[in-house]
C-alpha atoms as a PDB file:
ATOM      1  CA  MET A   1    -117.250  -6.525  14.608  1.00  0.00           C
ATOM      2  CA  LYS A   2    -117.030  -7.474  18.599  1.00  0.00           C
ATOM      3  CA  LYS A   3    -115.278 -10.300  17.695  1.00  0.00           C
ATOM      4  CA  LEU A   4    -112.846  -8.995  15.462  1.00  0.00           C
ATOM      5  CA  ALA A   5    -112.021  -6.284  17.976  1.00  0.00           C
ATOM      6  CA  ILE A   6    -111.201  -9.016  20.733  1.00  0.00           C
ATOM      7  CA  LEU A   7    -109.190 -10.875  18.024  1.00  0.00           C
ATOM      8  CA  MET A   8    -106.764  -8.183  17.238  1.00  0.00           C
ATOM      9  CA  PHE A   9    -106.342  -7.128  20.991  1.00  0.00           C
ATOM     10  CA  SER A  10    -105.423 -10.212  21.853  1.00  0.00           C
ATOM     11  CA  ILE A  11    -102.997 -11.137  18.998  1.00  0.00           C
ATOM     12  CA  LEU A  12    -101.689  -7.032  19.838  1.00  0.00           C
ATOM     13  CA  MET A  13    -101.251  -8.508  23.487  1.00  0.00           C
ATOM     14  CA  ILE A  14     -99.187 -11.590  22.170  1.00  0.00           C
ATOM     15  CA  LEU A  15     -96.793  -9.594  20.189  1.00  0.00           C
ATOM     16  CA  SER A  16     -96.576  -6.943  22.997  1.00  0.00           C
ATOM     17  CA  ALA A  17     -95.524  -9.469  25.507  1.00  0.00           C
ATOM     18  CA  CYS A  18     -93.128 -11.566  22.812  1.00  0.00           C
ATOM     19  CA  GLY A  19     -91.462  -8.526  22.319  1.00  0.00           C
ATOM     20  CA  THR A  20     -90.434  -7.361  25.900  1.00  0.00           C
ATOM     21  CA  SER A  21     -89.341 -11.175  26.651  1.00  0.00           C
ATOM     22  CA  ALA A  22     -86.827 -10.878  24.011  1.00  0.00           C
ATOM     23  CA  ASP A  23     -86.105  -6.783  25.126  1.00  0.00           C
ATOM     24  CA  ASN A  24     -85.001  -8.383  28.227  1.00  0.00           C
ATOM     25  CA  ASN A  25     -83.327 -11.153  27.388  1.00  0.00           C
ATOM     26  CA  SER A  26     -81.310  -9.045  24.906  1.00  0.00           C
ATOM     27  CA  SER A  27     -80.375  -6.536  27.384  1.00  0.00           C
ATOM     28  CA  GLN A  28     -79.464  -9.452  30.187  1.00  0.00           C
ATOM     29  CA  ASN A  29     -77.327 -10.815  27.183  1.00  0.00           C
ATOM     30  CA  GLU A  30     -75.569  -7.122  26.680  1.00  0.00           C
ATOM     31  CA  SER A  31     -74.728  -6.831  30.458  1.00  0.00           C
ATOM     32  CA  ASN A  32     -73.164  -9.817  30.569  1.00  0.00           C
ATOM     33  CA  GLU A  33     -70.922  -9.445  27.290  1.00  0.00           C
ATOM     34  CA  GLU A  34     -69.706  -6.037  28.944  1.00  0.00           C
ATOM     35  CA  ALA A  35     -68.921  -7.831  32.316  1.00  0.00           C
ATOM     36  CA  VAL A  36     -66.818 -10.414  30.135  1.00  0.00           C
ATOM     37  CA  ASP A  37     -65.386  -7.398  28.285  1.00  0.00           C
ATOM     38  CA  SER A  38     -64.513  -5.385  31.408  1.00  0.00           C
ATOM     39  CA  ASN A  39     -62.882  -8.237  33.159  1.00  0.00           C
ATOM     40  CA  ALA A  40     -60.589  -8.828  29.838  1.00  0.00           C
ATOM     41  CA  SER A  41     -59.974  -5.479  29.437  1.00  0.00           C
ATOM     42  CA  GLN A  42     -58.562  -5.656  33.337  1.00  0.00           C
ATOM     43  CA  GLY A  43     -56.656  -8.652  32.553  1.00  0.00           C
ATOM     44  CA  ASP A  44     -55.051  -6.635  29.376  1.00  0.00           C
ATOM     45  CA  SER A  45     -53.933  -3.855  31.436  1.00  0.00           C
ATOM     46  CA  ASN A  46     -52.465  -6.346  34.218  1.00  0.00           C
ATOM     47  CA  GLU A  47     -50.428  -7.834  31.295  1.00  0.00           C
ATOM     48  CA  GLU A  48     -49.472  -4.029  30.630  1.00  0.00           C
ATOM     49  CA  ALA A  49     -48.607  -3.584  34.041  1.00  0.00           C
ATOM     50  CA  ALA A  50     -46.602  -6.467  34.157  1.00  0.00           C
ATOM     51  CA  GLU A  51     -44.648  -5.891  30.887  1.00  0.00           C
ATOM     52  CA  GLU A  52     -44.174  -2.428  31.831  1.00  0.00           C
ATOM     53  CA  ASP A  53     -42.039  -3.660  34.823  1.00  0.00           C
ATOM     54  CA  ALA A  54     -40.024  -5.757  33.104  1.00  0.00           C
ATOM     55  CA  ASN A  55     -38.861  -2.916  30.331  1.00  0.00           C
ATOM     56  CA  VAL A  56     -37.975  -0.426  33.005  1.00  0.00           C
ATOM     57  CA  GLN A  57     -34.808   1.043  32.044  1.00  0.00           C
ATOM     58  CA  GLN A  58     -32.769   3.320  34.342  1.00  0.00           C
ATOM     59  CA  SER A  59     -29.768   6.217  33.515  1.00  0.00           C
ATOM     60  CA  VAL A  60     -27.623   8.545  35.247  1.00  0.00           C
ATOM     61  CA  GLY A  61     -27.102  11.769  34.128  1.00  0.00           C
ATOM     62  CA  VAL A  62     -27.808  15.504  35.020  1.00  0.00           C
ATOM     63  CA  PHE A  63     -31.055  16.982  35.307  1.00  0.00           C
ATOM     64  CA  LYS A  64     -31.230  20.103  33.195  1.00  0.00           C
ATOM     65  CA  GLY A  65     -35.094  21.055  34.071  1.00  0.00           C
ATOM     66  CA  TRP A  66     -38.298  21.571  32.256  1.00  0.00           C
ATOM     67  CA  ALA A  67     -38.116  21.200  28.228  1.00  0.00           C
ATOM     68  CA  ASP A  68     -41.757  22.372  28.528  1.00  0.00           C
ATOM     69  CA  ASN A  69     -45.012  21.375  30.920  1.00  0.00           C
ATOM     70  CA  HIS A  70     -44.596  17.585  30.583  1.00  0.00           C
ATOM     71  CA  THR A  71     -41.373  16.937  29.406  1.00  0.00           C
ATOM     72  CA  ILE A  72     -37.730  16.931  31.147  1.00  0.00           C
ATOM     73  CA  GLU A  73     -33.992  17.053  29.884  1.00  0.00           C
ATOM     74  CA  VAL A  74     -31.272  15.278  31.379  1.00  0.00           C
ATOM     75  CA  GLU A  75     -27.483  15.265  30.147  1.00  0.00           C
ATOM     76  CA  THR A  76     -26.335  11.390  29.855  1.00  0.00           C
ATOM     77  CA  ASP A  77     -22.750  10.305  28.967  1.00  0.00           C
ATOM     78  CA  ASN A  78     -24.732   9.683  25.011  1.00  0.00           C
ATOM     79  CA  GLY A  79     -26.206  13.562  24.917  1.00  0.00           C
ATOM     80  CA  TYR A  80     -29.348  15.209  26.117  1.00  0.00           C
ATOM     81  CA  VAL A  81     -32.192  13.328  26.643  1.00  0.00           C
ATOM     82  CA  THR A  82     -35.675  14.206  27.029  1.00  0.00           C
ATOM     83  CA  TYR A  83     -38.328  12.122  29.142  1.00  0.00           C
ATOM     84  CA  TYR A  84     -42.174  12.463  29.234  1.00  0.00           C
ATOM     85  CA  VAL A  85     -43.223  13.068  32.675  1.00  0.00           C
ATOM     86  CA  SER A  86     -46.625  11.843  33.468  1.00  0.00           C
ATOM     87  CA  PRO A  87     -49.016  14.082  36.212  1.00  0.00           C
ATOM     88  CA  ASP A  88     -48.532  11.431  38.386  1.00  0.00           C
ATOM     89  CA  ASN A  89     -44.605  12.276  38.555  1.00  0.00           C
ATOM     90  CA  GLN A  90     -44.192  15.814  38.523  1.00  0.00           C
ATOM     91  CA  GLU A  91     -44.493  16.600  41.963  1.00  0.00           C
ATOM     92  CA  ALA A  92     -41.266  14.410  41.833  1.00  0.00           C
ATOM     93  CA  VAL A  93     -39.622  16.127  39.434  1.00  0.00           C
ATOM     94  CA  ASN A  94     -40.344  19.397  40.879  1.00  0.00           C
ATOM     95  CA  ALA A  95     -38.594  18.688  43.829  1.00  0.00           C
ATOM     96  CA  VAL A  96     -35.245  17.810  42.180  1.00  0.00           C
ATOM     97  CA  GLU A  97     -32.694  20.518  41.745  1.00  0.00           C
ATOM     98  CA  GLU A  98     -31.643  22.048  38.357  1.00  0.00           C
ATOM     99  CA  GLY A  99     -27.992  20.819  37.875  1.00  0.00           C
ATOM    100  CA  SER A 100     -28.311  17.635  40.221  1.00  0.00           C
ATOM    101  CA  GLU A 101     -27.232  14.273  39.136  1.00  0.00           C
ATOM    102  CA  VAL A 102     -30.333  12.243  39.113  1.00  0.00           C
ATOM    103  CA  THR A 103     -31.357   8.583  38.722  1.00  0.00           C
ATOM    104  CA  ILE A 104     -34.146   8.297  35.980  1.00  0.00           C
ATOM    105  CA  SER A 105     -36.565   4.895  35.757  1.00  0.00           C
ATOM    106  CA  PHE A 106     -38.229   4.784  32.462  1.00  0.00           C
ATOM    107  CA  ILE A 107     -40.230   3.017  30.206  1.00  0.00           C
ATOM    108  CA  GLU A 108     -39.753   3.355  26.146  1.00  0.00           C
ATOM    109  CA  LYS A 109     -43.154   3.433  25.023  1.00  0.00           C
ATOM    110  CA  GLU A 110     -44.598   4.279  21.501  1.00  0.00           C
ATOM    111  CA  GLY A 111     -41.355   5.989  20.475  1.00  0.00           C
ATOM    112  CA  ARG A 112     -40.914   8.000  23.569  1.00  0.00           C
ATOM    113  CA  MET A 113     -39.097   7.828  27.143  1.00  0.00           C
ATOM    114  CA  GLU A 114     -41.928   7.616  29.807  1.00  0.00           C
ATOM    115  CA  LEU A 115     -40.390   8.797  33.200  1.00  0.00           C
ATOM    116  CA  GLN A 116     -41.174   6.101  36.305  1.00  0.00           C
ATOM    117  CA  SER A 117     -39.617   7.519  38.957  1.00  0.00           C
ATOM    118  CA  VAL A 118     -36.555  10.292  39.237  1.00  0.00           C
ATOM    119  CA  LYS A 119     -34.040  10.184  42.423  1.00  0.00           C
ATOM    120  CA  ALA A 120     -31.570  12.954  43.184  1.00  0.00           C
ATOM    121  CA  ASN A 121     -27.936  10.911  43.859  1.00  0.00           C
END
């Protein structure tokens, strides 16, 4: 009986030691994979930023004001155009008076025009 208990205890110790080692290795592998994924996504965002810079367009018109909390309206030669304003650009837009002639820099993204900068002329 004593030999059986020692045998069972030994098997339990061996199996638990093997399980711990495998868990540590798999978590280290997961950490390495996450680091690689993180670096890849940073590379993607750099490529997107460069792509956005290449697609920046400009337009001149008369600033008509805010259409809603995140959209402005500008009257151009082609009619009224709305631009999405990110929270980062809202202060710059608030500094422009309605009726002012403005130069708008924007990118077209996912079917909408996103304001990059606004400058009163």
